[in-house]
């Protein structure tokens, strides 16, 4: 992972939970971590990382994720063994 992806990972795990992380930054961090990303119906995005699978909804119309999605992403990354 490069420095930008590392900063995104740290932002996901930062307290209090942030709601201004751009989805494209999260997706770039996941790709750098080796996640398999496939598009689902509508705004769904299927993720697989280190044997852990999850489905997320790409935020719209805004580009930033909300606090609930950041918490879910934090849980997904922790289960997949990816922490800052």
PDB file of N, CA and C in Angstrom:
ATOM      1  N   UNK A   1       0.834  -1.180   0.000  1.00  0.00           N
ATOM      2  CA  UNK A   1       0.000   0.000   0.000  1.00  0.00           C
ATOM      3  C   UNK A   1       0.878   1.242   0.000  1.00  0.00           C
ATOM      4  N   UNK A   2       0.479   2.191  -0.800  1.00  0.00           N
ATOM      5  CA  UNK A   2       1.209   3.450  -0.846  1.00  0.00           C
ATOM      6  C   UNK A   2       0.798   4.361   0.300  1.00  0.00           C
ATOM      7  N   UNK A   3       1.463   5.509   0.415  1.00  0.00           N
ATOM      8  CA  UNK A   3       1.157   6.428   1.519  1.00  0.00           C
ATOM      9  C   UNK A   3      -0.280   6.955   1.495  1.00  0.00           C
ATOM     10  N   UNK A   4      -0.834   7.217   0.321  1.00  0.00           N
ATOM     11  CA  UNK A   4      -2.213   7.718   0.247  1.00  0.00           C
ATOM     12  C   UNK A   4      -3.202   6.648   0.713  1.00  0.00           C
ATOM     13  N   UNK A   5      -2.981   5.406   0.291  1.00  0.00           N
ATOM     14  CA  UNK A   5      -3.862   4.325   0.723  1.00  0.00           C
ATOM     15  C   UNK A   5      -3.719   4.071   2.224  1.00  0.00           C
ATOM     16  N   UNK A   6      -2.508   4.217   2.743  1.00  0.00           N
ATOM     17  CA  UNK A   6      -2.283   4.050   4.180  1.00  0.00           C
ATOM     18  C   UNK A   6      -3.032   5.135   4.964  1.00  0.00           C
ATOM     19  N   UNK A   7      -3.029   6.367   4.467  1.00  0.00           N
ATOM     20  CA  UNK A   7      -3.773   7.456   5.132  1.00  0.00           C
ATOM     21  C   UNK A   7      -5.276   7.176   5.114  1.00  0.00           C
ATOM     22  N   UNK A   8      -5.770   6.628   4.009  1.00  0.00           N
ATOM     23  CA  UNK A   8      -7.191   6.282   3.930  1.00  0.00           C
ATOM     24  C   UNK A   8      -7.528   5.200   4.946  1.00  0.00           C
ATOM     25  N   UNK A   9      -6.678   4.186   5.058  1.00  0.00           N
ATOM     26  CA  UNK A   9      -6.887   3.119   6.039  1.00  0.00           C
ATOM     27  C   UNK A   9      -6.902   3.687   7.457  1.00  0.00           C
ATOM     28  N   UNK A  10      -5.978   4.575   7.759  1.00  0.00           N
ATOM     29  CA  UNK A  10      -5.932   5.199   9.081  1.00  0.00           C
ATOM     30  C   UNK A  10      -7.180   6.045   9.328  1.00  0.00           C
ATOM     31  N   UNK A  11      -7.681   6.726   8.287  1.00  0.00           N
ATOM     32  CA  UNK A  11      -8.886   7.546   8.437  1.00  0.00           C
ATOM     33  C   UNK A  11     -10.099   6.679   8.764  1.00  0.00           C
ATOM     34  N   UNK A  12     -10.164   5.483   8.184  1.00  0.00           N
ATOM     35  CA  UNK A  12     -11.282   4.579   8.459  1.00  0.00           C
ATOM     36  C   UNK A  12     -11.285   4.149   9.921  1.00  0.00           C
ATOM     37  N   UNK A  13     -10.108   3.953  10.499  1.00  0.00           N
ATOM     38  CA  UNK A  13     -10.015   3.471  11.878  1.00  0.00           C
ATOM     39  C   UNK A  13      -9.921   4.596  12.906  1.00  0.00           C
ATOM     40  N   UNK A  14      -9.945   5.844  12.455  1.00  0.00           N
ATOM     41  CA  UNK A  14      -9.808   6.976  13.361  1.00  0.00           C
ATOM     42  C   UNK A  14     -11.097   7.197  14.155  1.00  0.00           C
ATOM     43  N   UNK A  15     -10.945   7.568  15.429  1.00  0.00           N
ATOM     44  CA  UNK A  15     -12.090   7.929  16.276  1.00  0.00           C
ATOM     45  C   UNK A  15     -12.049   9.407  16.549  1.00  0.00           C
ATOM     46  N   UNK A  16     -13.153  10.118  16.559  1.00  0.00           N
ATOM     47  CA  UNK A  16     -14.499   9.648  16.229  1.00  0.00           C
ATOM     48  C   UNK A  16     -14.614   9.288  14.750  1.00  0.00           C
ATOM     49  N   UNK A  17     -15.609   8.472  14.438  1.00  0.00           N
ATOM     50  CA  UNK A  17     -15.805   7.988  13.071  1.00  0.00           C
ATOM     51  C   UNK A  17     -16.033   9.161  12.126  1.00  0.00           C
ATOM     52  N   UNK A  18     -15.307   9.169  11.021  1.00  0.00           N
ATOM     53  CA  UNK A  18     -15.422  10.249  10.051  1.00  0.00           C
ATOM     54  C   UNK A  18     -16.508   9.937   9.025  1.00  0.00           C
ATOM     55  N   UNK A  19     -17.061  10.980   8.455  1.00  0.00           N
ATOM     56  CA  UNK A  19     -18.082  10.793   7.422  1.00  0.00           C
ATOM     57  C   UNK A  19     -17.703  11.505   6.133  1.00  0.00           C
ATOM     58  N   UNK A  20     -16.445  11.829   5.986  1.00  0.00           N
ATOM     59  CA  UNK A  20     -16.035  12.587   4.797  1.00  0.00           C
ATOM     60  C   UNK A  20     -14.943  11.877   4.002  1.00  0.00           C
ATOM     61  N   UNK A  21     -14.931  10.552   4.024  1.00  0.00           N
ATOM     62  CA  UNK A  21     -13.935   9.797   3.269  1.00  0.00           C
ATOM     63  C   UNK A  21     -14.532   9.484   1.896  1.00  0.00           C
ATOM     64  N   UNK A  22     -13.851   9.885   0.854  1.00  0.00           N
ATOM     65  CA  UNK A  22     -14.347   9.665  -0.509  1.00  0.00           C
ATOM     66  C   UNK A  22     -14.338   8.176  -0.837  1.00  0.00           C
ATOM     67  N   UNK A  23     -15.410   7.693  -1.454  1.00  0.00           N
ATOM     68  CA  UNK A  23     -15.514   6.280  -1.797  1.00  0.00           C
ATOM     69  C   UNK A  23     -14.380   5.857  -2.736  1.00  0.00           C
ATOM     70  N   UNK A  24     -14.000   6.724  -3.669  1.00  0.00           N
ATOM     71  CA  UNK A  24     -12.924   6.351  -4.607  1.00  0.00           C
ATOM     72  C   UNK A  24     -11.609   6.101  -3.860  1.00  0.00           C
ATOM     73  N   UNK A  25     -11.373   6.839  -2.761  1.00  0.00           N
ATOM     74  CA  UNK A  25     -10.172   6.605  -1.958  1.00  0.00           C
ATOM     75  C   UNK A  25     -10.251   5.264  -1.243  1.00  0.00           C
ATOM     76  N   UNK A  26     -11.438   4.919  -0.738  1.00  0.00           N
ATOM     77  CA  UNK A  26     -11.612   3.624  -0.080  1.00  0.00           C
ATOM     78  C   UNK A  26     -11.414   2.498  -1.087  1.00  0.00           C
ATOM     79  N   UNK A  27     -11.989   2.654  -2.278  1.00  0.00           N
ATOM     80  CA  UNK A  27     -11.855   1.627  -3.297  1.00  0.00           C
ATOM     81  C   UNK A  27     -10.391   1.464  -3.723  1.00  0.00           C
ATOM     82  N   UNK A  28      -9.648   2.546  -3.859  1.00  0.00           N
ATOM     83  CA  UNK A  28      -8.225   2.474  -4.215  1.00  0.00           C
ATOM     84  C   UNK A  28      -7.434   1.764  -3.118  1.00  0.00           C
ATOM     85  N   UNK A  29      -7.771   2.029  -1.858  1.00  0.00           N
ATOM     86  CA  UNK A  29      -7.099   1.373  -0.736  1.00  0.00           C
ATOM     87  C   UNK A  29      -7.394  -0.126  -0.746  1.00  0.00           C
ATOM     88  N   UNK A  30      -8.654  -0.494  -1.012  1.00  0.00           N
ATOM     89  CA  UNK A  30      -9.023  -1.909  -1.067  1.00  0.00           C
ATOM     90  C   UNK A  30      -8.283  -2.627  -2.191  1.00  0.00           C
ATOM     91  N   UNK A  31      -8.182  -1.993  -3.350  1.00  0.00           N
ATOM     92  CA  UNK A  31      -7.455  -2.580  -4.470  1.00  0.00           C
ATOM     93  C   UNK A  31      -5.986  -2.772  -4.119  1.00  0.00           C
ATOM     94  N   UNK A  32      -5.396  -1.791  -3.440  1.00  0.00           N
ATOM     95  CA  UNK A  32      -3.983  -1.895  -3.040  1.00  0.00           C
ATOM     96  C   UNK A  32      -3.784  -3.010  -2.010  1.00  0.00           C
ATOM     97  N   UNK A  33      -4.814  -3.278  -1.203  1.00  0.00           N
ATOM     98  CA  UNK A  33      -4.732  -4.339  -0.200  1.00  0.00           C
ATOM     99  C   UNK A  33      -4.965  -5.716  -0.815  1.00  0.00           C
ATOM    100  N   UNK A  34      -5.369  -5.751  -2.083  1.00  0.00           N
ATOM    101  CA  UNK A  34      -5.561  -7.017  -2.775  1.00  0.00           C
ATOM    102  C   UNK A  34      -6.998  -7.502  -2.801  1.00  0.00           C
ATOM    103  N   UNK A  35      -7.938  -6.626  -2.544  1.00  0.00           N
ATOM    104  CA  UNK A  35      -9.351  -7.015  -2.543  1.00  0.00           C
ATOM    105  C   UNK A  35      -9.846  -7.269  -3.958  1.00  0.00           C
ATOM    106  N   UNK A  36     -10.748  -8.234  -4.079  1.00  0.00           N
ATOM    107  CA  UNK A  36     -11.426  -8.489  -5.344  1.00  0.00           C
ATOM    108  C   UNK A  36     -12.727  -7.692  -5.305  1.00  0.00           C
ATOM    109  N   UNK A  37     -12.903  -6.804  -6.260  1.00  0.00           N
ATOM    110  CA  UNK A  37     -14.060  -5.907  -6.278  1.00  0.00           C
ATOM    111  C   UNK A  37     -14.869  -6.179  -7.539  1.00  0.00           C
ATOM    112  N   UNK A  38     -16.165  -6.480  -7.343  1.00  0.00           N
ATOM    113  CA  UNK A  38     -17.046  -6.688  -8.484  1.00  0.00           C
ATOM    114  C   UNK A  38     -18.287  -5.820  -8.315  1.00  0.00           C
ATOM    115  N   UNK A  39     -18.784  -5.352  -9.442  1.00  0.00           N
ATOM    116  CA  UNK A  39     -19.973  -4.498  -9.435  1.00  0.00           C
ATOM    117  C   UNK A  39     -21.211  -5.370  -9.348  1.00  0.00           C
ATOM    118  N   UNK A  40     -22.150  -4.952  -8.522  1.00  0.00           N
ATOM    119  CA  UNK A  40     -23.431  -5.631  -8.421  1.00  0.00           C
ATOM    120  C   UNK A  40     -24.502  -4.790  -9.074  1.00  0.00           C
ATOM    121  N   UNK A  41     -25.745  -5.113  -8.787  1.00  0.00           N
ATOM    122  CA  UNK A  41     -26.870  -4.360  -9.337  1.00  0.00           C
ATOM    123  C   UNK A  41     -26.958  -2.996  -8.671  1.00  0.00           C
ATOM    124  N   UNK A  42     -27.297  -1.995  -9.440  1.00  0.00           N
ATOM    125  CA  UNK A  42     -27.432  -0.651  -8.894  1.00  0.00           C
ATOM    126  C   UNK A  42     -26.113  -0.123  -8.369  1.00  0.00           C
ATOM    127  N   UNK A  43     -26.120   0.285  -7.110  1.00  0.00           N
ATOM    128  CA  UNK A  43     -24.902   0.852  -6.525  1.00  0.00           C
ATOM    129  C   UNK A  43     -24.152  -0.163  -5.662  1.00  0.00           C
ATOM    130  N   UNK A  44     -24.528  -1.434  -5.746  1.00  0.00           N
ATOM    131  CA  UNK A  44     -23.864  -2.455  -4.930  1.00  0.00           C
ATOM    132  C   UNK A  44     -22.459  -2.750  -5.438  1.00  0.00           C
ATOM    133  N   UNK A  45     -21.571  -2.973  -4.467  1.00  0.00           N
ATOM    134  CA  UNK A  45     -20.198  -3.351  -4.768  1.00  0.00           C
ATOM    135  C   UNK A  45     -19.874  -4.560  -3.894  1.00  0.00           C
ATOM    136  N   UNK A  46     -19.483  -5.664  -4.535  1.00  0.00           N
ATOM    137  CA  UNK A  46     -19.131  -6.872  -3.794  1.00  0.00           C
ATOM    138  C   UNK A  46     -17.624  -6.882  -3.562  1.00  0.00           C
ATOM    139  N   UNK A  47     -17.243  -7.161  -2.310  1.00  0.00           N
ATOM    140  CA  UNK A  47     -15.825  -7.184  -1.947  1.00  0.00           C
ATOM    141  C   UNK A  47     -15.450  -8.551  -1.406  1.00  0.00           C
ATOM    142  N   UNK A  48     -14.244  -8.993  -1.724  1.00  0.00           N
ATOM    143  CA  UNK A  48     -13.676 -10.212  -1.155  1.00  0.00           C
ATOM    144  C   UNK A  48     -12.221  -9.905  -0.828  1.00  0.00           C
ATOM    145  N   UNK A  49     -11.855 -10.146   0.421  1.00  0.00           N
ATOM    146  CA  UNK A  49     -10.487  -9.862   0.867  1.00  0.00           C
ATOM    147  C   UNK A  49     -10.098 -10.874   1.927  1.00  0.00           C
ATOM    148  N   UNK A  50      -9.046 -11.627   1.670  1.00  0.00           N
ATOM    149  CA  UNK A  50      -8.525 -12.623   2.622  1.00  0.00           C
ATOM    150  C   UNK A  50      -9.612 -13.584   3.094  1.00  0.00           C
ATOM    151  N   UNK A  51     -10.472 -14.016   2.175  1.00  0.00           N
ATOM    152  CA  UNK A  51     -11.513 -14.980   2.505  1.00  0.00           C
ATOM    153  C   UNK A  51     -12.759 -14.381   3.131  1.00  0.00           C
ATOM    154  N   UNK A  52     -12.793 -13.070   3.326  1.00  0.00           N
ATOM    155  CA  UNK A  52     -13.962 -12.395   3.902  1.00  0.00           C
ATOM    156  C   UNK A  52     -14.702 -11.689   2.773  1.00  0.00           C
ATOM    157  N   UNK A  53     -16.028 -11.872   2.763  1.00  0.00           N
ATOM    158  CA  UNK A  53     -16.846 -11.262   1.718  1.00  0.00           C
ATOM    159  C   UNK A  53     -17.834 -10.281   2.331  1.00  0.00           C
ATOM    160  N   UNK A  54     -18.153  -9.225   1.580  1.00  0.00           N
ATOM    161  CA  UNK A  54     -19.128  -8.232   2.029  1.00  0.00           C
ATOM    162  C   UNK A  54     -19.708  -7.531   0.812  1.00  0.00           C
ATOM    163  N   UNK A  55     -20.878  -6.940   1.017  1.00  0.00           N
ATOM    164  CA  UNK A  55     -21.516  -6.131  -0.022  1.00  0.00           C
ATOM    165  C   UNK A  55     -21.723  -4.740   0.549  1.00  0.00           C
ATOM    166  N   UNK A  56     -21.280  -3.743  -0.184  1.00  0.00           N
ATOM    167  CA  UNK A  56     -21.442  -2.346   0.214  1.00  0.00           C
ATOM    168  C   UNK A  56     -22.220  -1.618  -0.864  1.00  0.00           C
ATOM    169  N   UNK A  57     -22.785  -0.505  -0.504  1.00  0.00           N
ATOM    170  CA  UNK A  57     -23.467   0.353  -1.463  1.00  0.00           C
ATOM    171  C   UNK A  57     -22.614   1.591  -1.683  1.00  0.00           C
ATOM    172  N   UNK A  58     -22.295   1.839  -2.937  1.00  0.00           N
ATOM    173  CA  UNK A  58     -21.535   3.034  -3.282  1.00  0.00           C
ATOM    174  C   UNK A  58     -22.411   4.246  -2.953  1.00  0.00           C
ATOM    175  N   UNK A  59     -21.855   5.231  -2.250  1.00  0.00           N
ATOM    176  CA  UNK A  59     -22.672   6.393  -1.884  1.00  0.00           C
ATOM    177  C   UNK A  59     -23.077   7.204  -3.121  1.00  0.00           C
ATOM    178  N   UNK A  60     -24.293   7.705  -3.086  1.00  0.00           N
ATOM    179  CA  UNK A  60     -24.773   8.571  -4.153  1.00  0.00           C
ATOM    180  C   UNK A  60     -25.902   9.415  -3.603  1.00  0.00           C
ATOM    181  N   UNK A  61     -26.147  10.587  -3.984  1.00  0.00           N
ATOM    182  CA  UNK A  61     -25.424  11.295  -5.042  1.00  0.00           C
ATOM    183  C   UNK A  61     -24.101  11.881  -4.562  1.00  0.00           C
ATOM    184  N   UNK A  62     -23.876  11.932  -3.247  1.00  0.00           N
ATOM    185  CA  UNK A  62     -22.609  12.459  -2.749  1.00  0.00           C
ATOM    186  C   UNK A  62     -21.487  11.446  -2.999  1.00  0.00           C
ATOM    187  N   UNK A  63     -20.269  11.872  -2.895  1.00  0.00           N
ATOM    188  CA  UNK A  63     -19.124  11.011  -3.151  1.00  0.00           C
ATOM    189  C   UNK A  63     -18.505  10.471  -1.869  1.00  0.00           C
ATOM    190  N   UNK A  64     -18.889  11.031  -0.708  1.00  0.00           N
ATOM    191  CA  UNK A  64     -18.306  10.632   0.566  1.00  0.00           C
ATOM    192  C   UNK A  64     -19.197   9.601   1.256  1.00  0.00           C
ATOM    193  N   UNK A  65     -18.557   8.704   1.995  1.00  0.00           N
ATOM    194  CA  UNK A  65     -19.287   7.684   2.741  1.00  0.00           C
ATOM    195  C   UNK A  65     -19.855   8.282   4.025  1.00  0.00           C
ATOM    196  N   UNK A  66     -20.915   7.674   4.536  1.00  0.00           N
ATOM    197  CA  UNK A  66     -21.466   8.133   5.801  1.00  0.00           C
ATOM    198  C   UNK A  66     -20.837   7.338   6.951  1.00  0.00           C
ATOM    199  N   UNK A  67     -21.148   7.724   8.169  1.00  0.00           N
ATOM    200  CA  UNK A  67     -20.529   7.100   9.341  1.00  0.00           C
ATOM    201  C   UNK A  67     -20.860   5.615   9.435  1.00  0.00           C
ATOM    202  N   UNK A  68     -22.079   5.243   9.097  1.00  0.00           N
ATOM    203  CA  UNK A  68     -22.471   3.833   9.148  1.00  0.00           C
ATOM    204  C   UNK A  68     -21.644   2.985   8.199  1.00  0.00           C
ATOM    205  N   UNK A  69     -21.419   3.490   6.992  1.00  0.00           N
ATOM    206  CA  UNK A  69     -20.620   2.755   6.009  1.00  0.00           C
ATOM    207  C   UNK A  69     -19.163   2.655   6.451  1.00  0.00           C
ATOM    208  N   UNK A  70     -18.653   3.707   7.080  1.00  0.00           N
ATOM    209  CA  UNK A  70     -17.270   3.673   7.568  1.00  0.00           C
ATOM    210  C   UNK A  70     -17.143   2.631   8.681  1.00  0.00           C
ATOM    211  N   UNK A  71     -18.130   2.565   9.575  1.00  0.00           N
ATOM    212  CA  UNK A  71     -18.104   1.549  10.637  1.00  0.00           C
ATOM    213  C   UNK A  71     -18.156   0.142  10.043  1.00  0.00           C
ATOM    214  N   UNK A  72     -18.994  -0.055   9.038  1.00  0.00           N
ATOM    215  CA  UNK A  72     -19.085  -1.359   8.378  1.00  0.00           C
ATOM    216  C   UNK A  72     -17.777  -1.713   7.679  1.00  0.00           C
ATOM    217  N   UNK A  73     -17.153  -0.728   7.042  1.00  0.00           N
ATOM    218  CA  UNK A  73     -15.876  -0.964   6.373  1.00  0.00           C
ATOM    219  C   UNK A  73     -14.805  -1.315   7.395  1.00  0.00           C
ATOM    220  N   UNK A  74     -14.818  -0.642   8.531  1.00  0.00           N
ATOM    221  CA  UNK A  74     -13.872  -0.924   9.612  1.00  0.00           C
ATOM    222  C   UNK A  74     -14.019  -2.387  10.059  1.00  0.00           C
ATOM    223  N   UNK A  75     -15.273  -2.828  10.242  1.00  0.00           N
ATOM    224  CA  UNK A  75     -15.539  -4.209  10.661  1.00  0.00           C
ATOM    225  C   UNK A  75     -15.050  -5.195   9.592  1.00  0.00           C
ATOM    226  N   UNK A  76     -15.348  -4.911   8.325  1.00  0.00           N
ATOM    227  CA  UNK A  76     -14.921  -5.775   7.233  1.00  0.00           C
ATOM    228  C   UNK A  76     -13.394  -5.906   7.184  1.00  0.00           C
ATOM    229  N   UNK A  77     -12.701  -4.772   7.288  1.00  0.00           N
ATOM    230  CA  UNK A  77     -11.233  -4.794   7.238  1.00  0.00           C
ATOM    231  C   UNK A  77     -10.644  -5.539   8.428  1.00  0.00           C
ATOM    232  N   UNK A  78     -11.236  -5.357   9.609  1.00  0.00           N
ATOM    233  CA  UNK A  78     -10.742  -6.044  10.804  1.00  0.00           C
ATOM    234  C   UNK A  78     -10.886  -7.555  10.636  1.00  0.00           C
ATOM    235  N   UNK A  79     -12.057  -8.002  10.144  1.00  0.00           N
ATOM    236  CA  UNK A  79     -12.275  -9.429   9.926  1.00  0.00           C
ATOM    237  C   UNK A  79     -11.316  -9.986   8.876  1.00  0.00           C
ATOM    238  N   UNK A  80     -10.939  -9.149   7.905  1.00  0.00           N
ATOM    239  CA  UNK A  80     -10.021  -9.578   6.853  1.00  0.00           C
ATOM    240  C   UNK A  80      -8.555  -9.466   7.287  1.00  0.00           C
ATOM    241  N   UNK A  81      -8.315  -8.952   8.490  1.00  0.00           N
ATOM    242  CA  UNK A  81      -6.943  -8.855   9.007  1.00  0.00           C
ATOM    243  C   UNK A  81      -6.174  -7.666   8.480  1.00  0.00           C
ATOM    244  N   UNK A  82      -6.878  -6.621   8.043  1.00  0.00           N
ATOM    245  CA  UNK A  82      -6.217  -5.420   7.525  1.00  0.00           C
ATOM    246  C   UNK A  82      -6.494  -4.273   8.509  1.00  0.00           C
ATOM    247  N   UNK A  83      -5.471  -3.873   9.247  1.00  0.00           N
ATOM    248  CA  UNK A  83      -5.593  -2.758  10.179  1.00  0.00           C
ATOM    249  C   UNK A  83      -4.390  -1.853  10.010  1.00  0.00           C
ATOM    250  N   UNK A  84      -4.520  -0.571  10.455  1.00  0.00           N
ATOM    251  CA  UNK A  84      -3.376   0.340  10.278  1.00  0.00           C
ATOM    252  C   UNK A  84      -2.192  -0.023  11.168  1.00  0.00           C
TER     253      UNK A  84
END
